Amino acid sequence: MKGKRLQRIDLLLVEQQLAESRQRAQALILAGKVYVNGRLVDKAGARVPAEAVLSVRGGQMPYVSRGGLKLEAALEHFHIDVSGLTCLDVGASTGGFTDCLLQHGASKVQCVDVGYGQFAWKLRQDPRVKLFERTNIRYLKADALPCPVDLITIDVSFISLRIVVPAVLKFLRPDGDIMALIKPQFEAGKGAVGKGGVVRDPRQHEAIIKNLTLFFRDMDLDSRGLVPSPVLGPKGNREFLILLRNGDKTTSTTMHHSFRPPLPDLKSQKHQEQGRNNFLYASQLQAIFARSQIPKVSK
């Protein structure tokens, strides 16, 4: 490449009209759908010759970010129909979860994020969306929303669900659901996170899941199921989506759902291998979650 003008691949995708925005371009790249002269490139900051031939394989990203793929997998796994539901998306960021909810028929999505300027433009213009930027969910008052919501989705970083989940309960109806993304690197204790910020040990995953499940149980949240995300975190961290029911006393804390993680329809060898590993890991998760279920004691 010496002597050739190099350009960031995400910007070049937009320039060549293969993506409508830089955010969408980055999502396509991280999903393993972008090829340069027939070679897979999966780093959004990679620099390639300005005259390179780019192609997007496996279809366009259906959502504004990869987050939509994660939530879609959980909705399908748990057979959740969000049609007509009012939702709260905590940690909205670009809007992947929000986009997924809307495309699956949600009637209203309230979006909260501490950041500013990241939320996709098309979602900003959607009348079904109300956006709270530069807003910490812990300090948002209950009357900020017109009514309790049916479903809360959570995708946050650099903070534990132990802090976020208690803060959102005031917005959830009595029998509402929470779909939260568990990111082990932000739940593990000091010294438990490996090199590069990645938690690789399944035993640590087990401990994190068990401790969170017990924490949620003490808050009268029934853990309804767990599914591994079909997409790894940016640094390769395994992530999990957990479904919680608010104040549900009609069922035991034993999981009712078998583990059937959806495999992403990605063509590259790298992502096919990732999908196979995800599927194999699901069987381990089933045992992990079964061990984490401790029956409630009647009071």
C-alpha atoms as a PDB file:
ATOM      1  CA  MET A   1       0.000   0.000   0.000  1.00  0.00           C
ATOM      2  CA  LYS A   2       3.071   2.256   0.054  1.00  0.00           C
ATOM      3  CA  GLY A   3       2.542   5.410  -1.972  1.00  0.00           C
ATOM      4  CA  LYS A   4      -1.229   5.011  -2.106  1.00  0.00           C
ATOM      5  CA  ARG A   5      -3.623   7.374  -0.404  1.00  0.00           C
ATOM      6  CA  LEU A   6      -5.199   5.578   2.532  1.00  0.00           C
ATOM      7  CA  GLN A   7      -8.619   6.285   3.982  1.00  0.00           C
ATOM      8  CA  ARG A   8     -10.621   4.952   6.906  1.00  0.00           C
ATOM      9  CA  ILE A   9     -12.808   2.124   5.720  1.00  0.00           C
ATOM     10  CA  ASP A  10     -15.927   3.379   7.523  1.00  0.00           C
ATOM     11  CA  LEU A  11     -15.680   6.747   5.774  1.00  0.00           C
ATOM     12  CA  LEU A  12     -15.005   5.080   2.448  1.00  0.00           C
ATOM     13  CA  LEU A  13     -18.145   2.955   2.798  1.00  0.00           C
ATOM     14  CA  VAL A  14     -20.211   6.110   3.150  1.00  0.00           C
ATOM     15  CA  GLU A  15     -18.368   7.787   0.273  1.00  0.00           C
ATOM     16  CA  GLN A  16     -19.068   4.809  -1.989  1.00  0.00           C
ATOM     17  CA  GLN A  17     -22.732   4.891  -0.882  1.00  0.00           C
ATOM     18  CA  LEU A  18     -22.590   1.422   0.639  1.00  0.00           C
ATOM     19  CA  ALA A  19     -23.727   2.773   4.011  1.00  0.00           C
ATOM     20  CA  GLU A  20     -26.009   5.691   4.812  1.00  0.00           C
ATOM     21  CA  SER A  21     -23.926   6.938   7.742  1.00  0.00           C
ATOM     22  CA  ARG A  22     -20.613   6.374   9.452  1.00  0.00           C
ATOM     23  CA  GLN A  23     -22.383   4.670  12.351  1.00  0.00           C
ATOM     24  CA  ARG A  24     -24.088   2.241   9.978  1.00  0.00           C
ATOM     25  CA  ALA A  25     -20.769   1.625   8.230  1.00  0.00           C
ATOM     26  CA  GLN A  26     -19.087   0.737  11.513  1.00  0.00           C
ATOM     27  CA  ALA A  27     -21.918  -1.643  12.381  1.00  0.00           C
ATOM     28  CA  LEU A  28     -21.532  -3.440   9.045  1.00  0.00           C
ATOM     29  CA  ILE A  29     -17.775  -3.723   9.522  1.00  0.00           C
ATOM     30  CA  LEU A  30     -18.021  -5.112  13.054  1.00  0.00           C
ATOM     31  CA  ALA A  31     -20.647  -7.613  11.885  1.00  0.00           C
ATOM     32  CA  GLY A  32     -18.137  -9.073   9.440  1.00  0.00           C
ATOM     33  CA  LYS A  33     -20.023  -8.039   6.320  1.00  0.00           C
ATOM     34  CA  VAL A  34     -17.448  -5.757   4.651  1.00  0.00           C
ATOM     35  CA  TYR A  35     -14.795  -6.941   2.210  1.00  0.00           C
ATOM     36  CA  VAL A  36     -11.973  -5.004   0.559  1.00  0.00           C
ATOM     37  CA  ASN A  37     -10.869  -6.444  -2.766  1.00  0.00           C
ATOM     38  CA  GLY A  38     -12.389  -9.739  -1.629  1.00  0.00           C
ATOM     39  CA  ARG A  39     -10.691  -9.748   1.797  1.00  0.00           C
ATOM     40  CA  LEU A  40     -12.639  -9.468   5.053  1.00  0.00           C
ATOM     41  CA  VAL A  41     -11.906  -6.341   7.107  1.00  0.00           C
ATOM     42  CA  ASP A  42     -13.539  -6.220  10.542  1.00  0.00           C
ATOM     43  CA  LYS A  43     -11.881  -3.183  12.140  1.00  0.00           C
ATOM     44  CA  ALA A  44     -13.785   0.075  11.669  1.00  0.00           C
ATOM     45  CA  GLY A  45     -10.596   2.134  11.973  1.00  0.00           C
ATOM     46  CA  ALA A  46      -8.684   0.179   9.334  1.00  0.00           C
ATOM     47  CA  ARG A  47      -7.160   2.276   6.559  1.00  0.00           C
ATOM     48  CA  VAL A  48      -7.408   1.032   2.997  1.00  0.00           C
ATOM     49  CA  PRO A  49      -6.493   2.489  -0.404  1.00  0.00           C
ATOM     50  CA  ALA A  50      -9.020   5.116  -1.446  1.00  0.00           C
ATOM     51  CA  GLU A  51      -9.471   3.331  -4.781  1.00  0.00           C
ATOM     52  CA  ALA A  52     -10.134  -0.072  -3.146  1.00  0.00           C
ATOM     53  CA  VAL A  53     -13.175  -2.050  -4.228  1.00  0.00           C
ATOM     54  CA  LEU A  54     -15.504  -2.451  -1.249  1.00  0.00           C
ATOM     55  CA  SER A  55     -18.397  -4.870  -1.014  1.00  0.00           C
ATOM     56  CA  VAL A  56     -21.032  -5.663   1.594  1.00  0.00           C
ATOM     57  CA  ARG A  57     -21.977  -9.319   1.809  1.00  0.00           C
ATOM     58  CA  GLY A  58     -24.810 -11.109   3.535  1.00  0.00           C
ATOM     59  CA  GLY A  59     -27.260  -8.246   3.136  1.00  0.00           C
ATOM     60  CA  GLN A  60     -27.442  -4.863   4.802  1.00  0.00           C
ATOM     61  CA  MET A  61     -27.446  -4.537   8.586  1.00  0.00           C
ATOM     62  CA  PRO A  62     -31.161  -4.468   9.506  1.00  0.00           C
ATOM     63  CA  TYR A  63     -30.622  -2.114  12.444  1.00  0.00           C
ATOM     64  CA  VAL A  64     -28.653   1.051  13.113  1.00  0.00           C
ATOM     65  CA  SER A  65     -26.127  -0.913  15.180  1.00  0.00           C
ATOM     66  CA  ARG A  66     -25.181  -4.463  16.171  1.00  0.00           C
ATOM     67  CA  GLY A  67     -27.157  -4.049  19.364  1.00  0.00           C
ATOM     68  CA  GLY A  68     -30.316  -4.670  17.382  1.00  0.00           C
ATOM     69  CA  LEU A  69     -29.071  -8.145  16.481  1.00  0.00           C
ATOM     70  CA  LYS A  70     -28.516  -8.947  20.154  1.00  0.00           C
ATOM     71  CA  LEU A  71     -32.011  -7.922  21.195  1.00  0.00           C
ATOM     72  CA  GLU A  72     -33.596  -9.587  18.168  1.00  0.00           C
ATOM     73  CA  ALA A  73     -31.973 -12.877  19.191  1.00  0.00           C
ATOM     74  CA  ALA A  74     -33.430 -12.606  22.702  1.00  0.00           C
ATOM     75  CA  LEU A  75     -36.915 -11.668  21.493  1.00  0.00           C
ATOM     76  CA  GLU A  76     -36.937 -14.681  19.202  1.00  0.00           C
ATOM     77  CA  HIS A  77     -35.486 -17.009  21.828  1.00  0.00           C
ATOM     78  CA  PHE A  78     -38.066 -16.099  24.458  1.00  0.00           C
ATOM     79  CA  HIS A  79     -40.923 -15.711  21.941  1.00  0.00           C
ATOM     80  CA  ILE A  80     -41.597 -12.154  23.093  1.00  0.00           C
ATOM     81  CA  ASP A  81     -44.060 -10.098  21.058  1.00  0.00           C
ATOM     82  CA  VAL A  82     -43.471  -6.381  21.635  1.00  0.00           C
ATOM     83  CA  SER A  83     -46.289  -5.255  19.337  1.00  0.00           C
ATOM     84  CA  GLY A  84     -48.100  -2.328  20.909  1.00  0.00           C
ATOM     85  CA  LEU A  85     -45.860  -2.228  23.982  1.00  0.00           C
ATOM     86  CA  THR A  86     -44.425   0.891  25.583  1.00  0.00           C
ATOM     87  CA  CYS A  87     -40.720   0.443  26.252  1.00  0.00           C
ATOM     88  CA  LEU A  88     -37.782   2.092  27.970  1.00  0.00           C
ATOM     89  CA  ASP A  89     -34.335   1.657  26.409  1.00  0.00           C
ATOM     90  CA  VAL A  90     -31.579   2.368  28.936  1.00  0.00           C
ATOM     91  CA  GLY A  91     -28.146   2.956  27.447  1.00  0.00           C
ATOM     92  CA  ALA A  92     -29.647   3.694  24.048  1.00  0.00           C
ATOM     93  CA  SER A  93     -26.371   4.863  22.460  1.00  0.00           C
ATOM     94  CA  THR A  94     -26.785   4.661  18.662  1.00  0.00           C
ATOM     95  CA  GLY A  95     -30.217   3.098  19.032  1.00  0.00           C
ATOM     96  CA  GLY A  96     -29.784  -0.562  18.083  1.00  0.00           C
ATOM     97  CA  PHE A  97     -32.178  -1.842  20.750  1.00  0.00           C
ATOM     98  CA  THR A  98     -34.636   0.970  20.010  1.00  0.00           C
ATOM     99  CA  ASP A  99     -34.571   0.241  16.283  1.00  0.00           C
ATOM    100  CA  CYS A 100     -35.212  -3.445  16.953  1.00  0.00           C
ATOM    101  CA  LEU A 101     -38.153  -2.682  19.251  1.00  0.00           C
ATOM    102  CA  LEU A 102     -39.745  -0.340  16.725  1.00  0.00           C
ATOM    103  CA  GLN A 103     -39.274  -2.735  13.829  1.00  0.00           C
ATOM    104  CA  HIS A 104     -40.969  -5.418  15.919  1.00  0.00           C
ATOM    105  CA  GLY A 105     -43.993  -3.211  16.540  1.00  0.00           C
ATOM    106  CA  ALA A 106     -43.401  -1.334  19.809  1.00  0.00           C
ATOM    107  CA  SER A 107     -45.776   1.615  20.035  1.00  0.00           C
ATOM    108  CA  LYS A 108     -43.487   3.904  22.031  1.00  0.00           C
ATOM    109  CA  VAL A 109     -39.843   3.820  23.129  1.00  0.00           C
ATOM    110  CA  GLN A 110     -38.398   6.166  25.738  1.00  0.00           C
ATOM    111  CA  CYS A 111     -34.617   6.292  25.276  1.00  0.00           C
ATOM    112  CA  VAL A 112     -32.095   7.270  27.942  1.00  0.00           C
ATOM    113  CA  ASP A 113     -28.351   7.693  27.512  1.00  0.00           C
ATOM    114  CA  VAL A 114     -25.611   9.591  29.324  1.00  0.00           C
ATOM    115  CA  GLY A 115     -23.990  10.451  25.997  1.00  0.00           C
ATOM    116  CA  TYR A 116     -24.888  13.040  23.399  1.00  0.00           C
ATOM    117  CA  GLY A 117     -25.042  13.038  19.616  1.00  0.00           C
ATOM    118  CA  GLN A 118     -24.754   9.263  19.129  1.00  0.00           C
ATOM    119  CA  PHE A 119     -28.422   8.453  18.533  1.00  0.00           C
ATOM    120  CA  ALA A 120     -29.208   7.628  14.894  1.00  0.00           C
ATOM    121  CA  TRP A 121     -30.841  10.439  12.943  1.00  0.00           C
ATOM    122  CA  LYS A 122     -33.666   8.302  11.551  1.00  0.00           C
ATOM    123  CA  LEU A 123     -34.696   7.374  15.089  1.00  0.00           C
ATOM    124  CA  ARG A 124     -34.550  10.981  16.272  1.00  0.00           C
ATOM    125  CA  GLN A 125     -37.178  11.785  13.659  1.00  0.00           C
ATOM    126  CA  ASP A 126     -39.481   8.918  14.622  1.00  0.00           C
ATOM    127  CA  PRO A 127     -42.589  10.178  16.482  1.00  0.00           C
ATOM    128  CA  ARG A 128     -42.666   6.960  18.517  1.00  0.00           C
ATOM    129  CA  VAL A 129     -39.347   7.875  20.147  1.00  0.00           C
ATOM    130  CA  LYS A 130     -38.662  10.222  23.051  1.00  0.00           C
ATOM    131  CA  LEU A 131     -34.969  10.778  23.701  1.00  0.00           C
ATOM    132  CA  PHE A 132     -33.314  11.760  26.980  1.00  0.00           C
ATOM    133  CA  GLU A 133     -29.662  12.538  26.191  1.00  0.00           C
ATOM    134  CA  ARG A 134     -27.033  13.527  28.752  1.00  0.00           C
ATOM    135  CA  THR A 135     -29.243  11.745  31.259  1.00  0.00           C
ATOM    136  CA  ASN A 136     -28.207   9.293  33.953  1.00  0.00           C
ATOM    137  CA  ILE A 137     -31.052   6.851  34.576  1.00  0.00           C
ATOM    138  CA  ARG A 138     -30.289   6.917  38.304  1.00  0.00           C
ATOM    139  CA  TYR A 139     -31.297  10.561  38.483  1.00  0.00           C
ATOM    140  CA  LEU A 140     -34.298  10.494  36.143  1.00  0.00           C
ATOM    141  CA  LYS A 141     -37.461  11.100  38.154  1.00  0.00           C
ATOM    142  CA  ALA A 142     -40.385   8.686  37.947  1.00  0.00           C
ATOM    143  CA  ASP A 143     -42.712  11.373  36.596  1.00  0.00           C
ATOM    144  CA  ALA A 144     -40.397  11.977  33.617  1.00  0.00           C
ATOM    145  CA  LEU A 145     -42.328   9.243  31.801  1.00  0.00           C
ATOM    146  CA  PRO A 146     -46.087   9.538  31.242  1.00  0.00           C
ATOM    147  CA  CYS A 147     -46.843   6.030  32.544  1.00  0.00           C
ATOM    148  CA  PRO A 148     -45.135   2.793  33.646  1.00  0.00           C
ATOM    149  CA  VAL A 149     -43.684   0.862  30.719  1.00  0.00           C
ATOM    150  CA  ASP A 150     -44.272  -2.744  29.670  1.00  0.00           C
ATOM    151  CA  LEU A 151     -40.663  -3.595  28.866  1.00  0.00           C
ATOM    152  CA  ILE A 152     -37.278  -2.167  29.817  1.00  0.00           C
ATOM    153  CA  THR A 153     -34.162  -3.013  27.827  1.00  0.00           C
ATOM    154  CA  ILE A 154     -30.712  -2.343  29.264  1.00  0.00           C
ATOM    155  CA  ASP A 155     -27.369  -2.157  27.464  1.00  0.00           C
ATOM    156  CA  VAL A 156     -24.896  -0.196  29.558  1.00  0.00           C
ATOM    157  CA  SER A 157     -21.115  -0.117  29.936  1.00  0.00           C
ATOM    158  CA  PHE A 158     -18.698   0.755  32.752  1.00  0.00           C
ATOM    159  CA  ILE A 159     -21.419   0.198  35.341  1.00  0.00           C
ATOM    160  CA  SER A 160     -22.926  -2.876  36.985  1.00  0.00           C
ATOM    161  CA  LEU A 161     -26.504  -4.049  36.544  1.00  0.00           C
ATOM    162  CA  ARG A 162     -26.612  -4.072  40.343  1.00  0.00           C
ATOM    163  CA  ILE A 163     -26.727  -0.285  40.128  1.00  0.00           C
ATOM    164  CA  VAL A 164     -28.844   0.152  37.007  1.00  0.00           C
ATOM    165  CA  VAL A 165     -31.638  -2.379  37.554  1.00  0.00           C
ATOM    166  CA  PRO A 166     -32.781  -0.945  40.932  1.00  0.00           C
ATOM    167  CA  ALA A 167     -32.865   2.503  39.314  1.00  0.00           C
ATOM    168  CA  VAL A 168     -35.271   1.453  36.545  1.00  0.00           C
ATOM    169  CA  LEU A 169     -37.875  -0.376  38.622  1.00  0.00           C
ATOM    170  CA  LYS A 170     -39.826   2.807  39.318  1.00  0.00           C
ATOM    171  CA  PHE A 171     -40.579   3.010  35.587  1.00  0.00           C
ATOM    172  CA  LEU A 172     -41.788  -0.603  35.187  1.00  0.00           C
ATOM    173  CA  ARG A 173     -45.364  -1.790  35.562  1.00  0.00           C
ATOM    174  CA  PRO A 174     -45.980  -4.456  38.272  1.00  0.00           C
ATOM    175  CA  ASP A 175     -45.901  -7.414  35.865  1.00  0.00           C
ATOM    176  CA  GLY A 176     -43.532  -5.863  33.328  1.00  0.00           C
ATOM    177  CA  ASP A 177     -40.340  -7.365  31.938  1.00  0.00           C
ATOM    178  CA  ILE A 178     -36.687  -6.362  31.858  1.00  0.00           C
ATOM    179  CA  MET A 179     -34.289  -7.569  29.172  1.00  0.00           C
ATOM    180  CA  ALA A 180     -30.769  -6.791  30.345  1.00  0.00           C
ATOM    181  CA  LEU A 181     -27.449  -7.398  28.637  1.00  0.00           C
ATOM    182  CA  ILE A 182     -24.951  -8.911  31.070  1.00  0.00           C
ATOM    183  CA  LYS A 183     -21.405  -7.760  30.320  1.00  0.00           C
ATOM    184  CA  PRO A 184     -19.062  -9.828  32.521  1.00  0.00           C
ATOM    185  CA  GLN A 185     -16.210  -7.325  32.352  1.00  0.00           C
ATOM    186  CA  PHE A 186     -18.371  -4.783  34.200  1.00  0.00           C
ATOM    187  CA  GLU A 187     -19.719  -7.280  36.736  1.00  0.00           C
ATOM    188  CA  ALA A 188     -16.488  -9.033  37.731  1.00  0.00           C
ATOM    189  CA  GLY A 189     -14.623  -7.862  40.798  1.00  0.00           C
ATOM    190  CA  LYS A 190     -11.268  -6.124  40.776  1.00  0.00           C
ATOM    191  CA  GLY A 191      -8.527  -8.372  39.506  1.00  0.00           C
ATOM    192  CA  ALA A 192     -10.987 -10.767  37.865  1.00  0.00           C
ATOM    193  CA  VAL A 193     -10.824  -9.177  34.418  1.00  0.00           C
ATOM    194  CA  GLY A 194      -8.132 -10.553  32.152  1.00  0.00           C
ATOM    195  CA  LYS A 195      -5.737  -8.893  29.760  1.00  0.00           C
ATOM    196  CA  GLY A 196      -7.405  -6.466  27.396  1.00  0.00           C
ATOM    197  CA  GLY A 197     -10.500  -6.226  29.573  1.00  0.00           C
ATOM    198  CA  VAL A 198     -11.824  -9.681  28.623  1.00  0.00           C
ATOM    199  CA  VAL A 199     -13.377 -12.241  30.990  1.00  0.00           C
ATOM    200  CA  ARG A 200     -12.684 -15.644  29.444  1.00  0.00           C
ATOM    201  CA  ASP A 201     -13.062 -18.142  32.280  1.00  0.00           C
ATOM    202  CA  PRO A 202     -16.487 -19.887  32.203  1.00  0.00           C
ATOM    203  CA  ARG A 203     -16.227 -20.271  35.976  1.00  0.00           C
ATOM    204  CA  GLN A 204     -16.221 -16.496  36.287  1.00  0.00           C
ATOM    205  CA  HIS A 205     -19.236 -16.317  33.987  1.00  0.00           C
ATOM    206  CA  GLU A 206     -20.972 -18.835  36.251  1.00  0.00           C
ATOM    207  CA  ALA A 207     -20.198 -16.859  39.390  1.00  0.00           C
ATOM    208  CA  ILE A 208     -21.356 -13.600  37.813  1.00  0.00           C
ATOM    209  CA  ILE A 209     -24.620 -15.116  36.575  1.00  0.00           C
ATOM    210  CA  LYS A 210     -25.338 -16.813  39.890  1.00  0.00           C
ATOM    211  CA  ASN A 211     -24.656 -13.700  41.952  1.00  0.00           C
ATOM    212  CA  LEU A 212     -26.747 -11.495  39.693  1.00  0.00           C
ATOM    213  CA  THR A 213     -29.620 -13.981  39.739  1.00  0.00           C
ATOM    214  CA  LEU A 214     -29.621 -14.013  43.539  1.00  0.00           C
ATOM    215  CA  PHE A 215     -29.429 -10.222  43.607  1.00  0.00           C
ATOM    216  CA  PHE A 216     -32.422  -9.926  41.273  1.00  0.00           C
ATOM    217  CA  ARG A 217     -34.367 -12.515  43.263  1.00  0.00           C
ATOM    218  CA  ASP A 218     -33.937 -10.454  46.410  1.00  0.00           C
ATOM    219  CA  MET A 219     -35.489  -7.552  44.500  1.00  0.00           C
ATOM    220  CA  ASP A 220     -38.535  -9.721  43.712  1.00  0.00           C
ATOM    221  CA  LEU A 221     -37.483 -10.073  40.083  1.00  0.00           C
ATOM    222  CA  ASP A 222     -38.044 -13.541  38.657  1.00  0.00           C
ATOM    223  CA  SER A 223     -35.266 -14.697  36.329  1.00  0.00           C
ATOM    224  CA  ARG A 224     -37.114 -16.179  33.363  1.00  0.00           C
ATOM    225  CA  GLY A 225     -34.211 -17.199  31.179  1.00  0.00           C
ATOM    226  CA  LEU A 226     -30.766 -16.513  29.815  1.00  0.00           C
ATOM    227  CA  VAL A 227     -29.387 -16.630  26.293  1.00  0.00           C
ATOM    228  CA  PRO A 228     -25.879 -15.885  24.990  1.00  0.00           C
ATOM    229  CA  SER A 229     -25.640 -12.944  22.640  1.00  0.00           C
ATOM    230  CA  PRO A 230     -25.015 -14.027  19.027  1.00  0.00           C
ATOM    231  CA  VAL A 231     -22.542 -11.153  18.761  1.00  0.00           C
ATOM    232  CA  LEU A 232     -19.422 -10.862  20.910  1.00  0.00           C
ATOM    233  CA  GLY A 233     -18.554  -7.596  22.612  1.00  0.00           C
ATOM    234  CA  PRO A 234     -16.072  -5.221  20.919  1.00  0.00           C
ATOM    235  CA  LYS A 235     -13.047  -6.826  22.634  1.00  0.00           C
ATOM    236  CA  GLY A 236     -14.331 -10.379  22.320  1.00  0.00           C
ATOM    237  CA  ASN A 237     -16.207 -10.579  25.617  1.00  0.00           C
ATOM    238  CA  ARG A 238     -19.067 -13.047  25.783  1.00  0.00           C
ATOM    239  CA  GLU A 239     -22.303 -11.329  26.693  1.00  0.00           C
ATOM    240  CA  PHE A 240     -25.633 -12.716  27.887  1.00  0.00           C
ATOM    241  CA  LEU A 241     -29.205 -11.473  27.797  1.00  0.00           C
ATOM    242  CA  ILE A 242     -31.306 -12.177  30.866  1.00  0.00           C
ATOM    243  CA  LEU A 243     -35.084 -11.867  31.025  1.00  0.00           C
ATOM    244  CA  LEU A 244     -36.581 -10.694  34.321  1.00  0.00           C
ATOM    245  CA  ARG A 245     -40.247 -10.477  35.358  1.00  0.00           C
ATOM    246  CA  ASN A 246     -41.270  -7.848  37.882  1.00  0.00           C
ATOM    247  CA  GLY A 247     -42.869  -9.260  41.033  1.00  0.00           C
ATOM    248  CA  ASP A 248     -43.912 -12.544  39.396  1.00  0.00           C
ATOM    249  CA  LYS A 249     -44.907 -14.934  42.195  1.00  0.00           C
ATOM    250  CA  THR A 250     -46.734 -17.417  39.966  1.00  0.00           C
ATOM    251  CA  THR A 251     -43.629 -19.297  38.857  1.00  0.00           C
ATOM    252  CA  SER A 252     -40.563 -20.744  40.500  1.00  0.00           C
ATOM    253  CA  THR A 253     -37.135 -19.360  39.819  1.00  0.00           C
ATOM    254  CA  THR A 254     -36.273 -22.381  37.696  1.00  0.00           C
ATOM    255  CA  MET A 255     -35.669 -21.487  34.066  1.00  0.00           C
ATOM    256  CA  HIS A 256     -38.486 -22.484  31.745  1.00  0.00           C
ATOM    257  CA  HIS A 257     -36.609 -21.968  28.494  1.00  0.00           C
ATOM    258  CA  SER A 258     -34.153 -24.337  26.908  1.00  0.00           C
ATOM    259  CA  PHE A 259     -31.008 -22.805  25.494  1.00  0.00           C
ATOM    260  CA  ARG A 260     -31.402 -22.353  21.751  1.00  0.00           C
ATOM    261  CA  PRO A 261     -29.006 -19.524  20.871  1.00  0.00           C
ATOM    262  CA  PRO A 262     -29.651 -18.206  17.356  1.00  0.00           C
ATOM    263  CA  LEU A 263     -26.627 -18.373  15.097  1.00  0.00           C
ATOM    264  CA  PRO A 264     -25.848 -15.236  13.073  1.00  0.00           C
ATOM    265  CA  ASP A 265     -26.148 -15.607   9.318  1.00  0.00           C
ATOM    266  CA  LEU A 266     -22.625 -14.474   8.564  1.00  0.00           C
ATOM    267  CA  LYS A 267     -20.586 -15.846   5.689  1.00  0.00           C
ATOM    268  CA  SER A 268     -17.018 -15.387   6.849  1.00  0.00           C
ATOM    269  CA  GLN A 269     -15.115 -18.289   8.358  1.00  0.00           C
ATOM    270  CA  LYS A 270     -14.384 -16.164  11.410  1.00  0.00           C
ATOM    271  CA  HIS A 271     -18.036 -15.542  12.174  1.00  0.00           C
ATOM    272  CA  GLN A 272     -19.107 -19.076  11.337  1.00  0.00           C
ATOM    273  CA  GLU A 273     -16.606 -20.279  13.938  1.00  0.00           C
ATOM    274  CA  GLN A 274     -17.917 -17.696  16.385  1.00  0.00           C
ATOM    275  CA  GLY A 275     -21.438 -18.988  15.812  1.00  0.00           C
ATOM    276  CA  ARG A 276     -20.421 -22.597  16.413  1.00  0.00           C
ATOM    277  CA  ASN A 277     -18.591 -21.651  19.597  1.00  0.00           C
ATOM    278  CA  ASN A 278     -21.639 -19.722  20.759  1.00  0.00           C
ATOM    279  CA  PHE A 279     -23.847 -22.746  20.185  1.00  0.00           C
ATOM    280  CA  LEU A 280     -21.507 -25.083  22.075  1.00  0.00           C
ATOM    281  CA  TYR A 281     -21.221 -22.599  24.918  1.00  0.00           C
ATOM    282  CA  ALA A 282     -25.008 -22.627  25.312  1.00  0.00           C
ATOM    283  CA  SER A 283     -24.963 -26.171  26.673  1.00  0.00           C
ATOM    284  CA  GLN A 284     -22.530 -25.026  29.355  1.00  0.00           C
ATOM    285  CA  LEU A 285     -24.811 -22.097  30.146  1.00  0.00           C
ATOM    286  CA  GLN A 286     -27.754 -24.398  30.704  1.00  0.00           C
ATOM    287  CA  ALA A 287     -25.850 -26.157  33.484  1.00  0.00           C
ATOM    288  CA  ILE A 288     -24.570 -22.857  34.874  1.00  0.00           C
ATOM    289  CA  PHE A 289     -28.017 -21.348  35.129  1.00  0.00           C
ATOM    290  CA  ALA A 290     -29.552 -24.496  36.577  1.00  0.00           C
ATOM    291  CA  ARG A 291     -26.980 -24.384  39.372  1.00  0.00           C
ATOM    292  CA  SER A 292     -27.676 -20.706  40.003  1.00  0.00           C
ATOM    293  CA  GLN A 293     -31.376 -21.285  40.706  1.00  0.00           C
ATOM    294  CA  ILE A 294     -32.024 -21.468  44.430  1.00  0.00           C
ATOM    295  CA  PRO A 295     -35.708 -21.925  45.347  1.00  0.00           C
ATOM    296  CA  LYS A 296     -37.399 -19.000  47.018  1.00  0.00           C
ATOM    297  CA  VAL A 297     -38.229 -19.411  50.679  1.00  0.00           C
ATOM    298  CA  SER A 298     -41.862 -18.706  51.470  1.00  0.00           C
ATOM    299  CA  LYS A 299     -42.294 -15.865  53.882  1.00  0.00           C
END
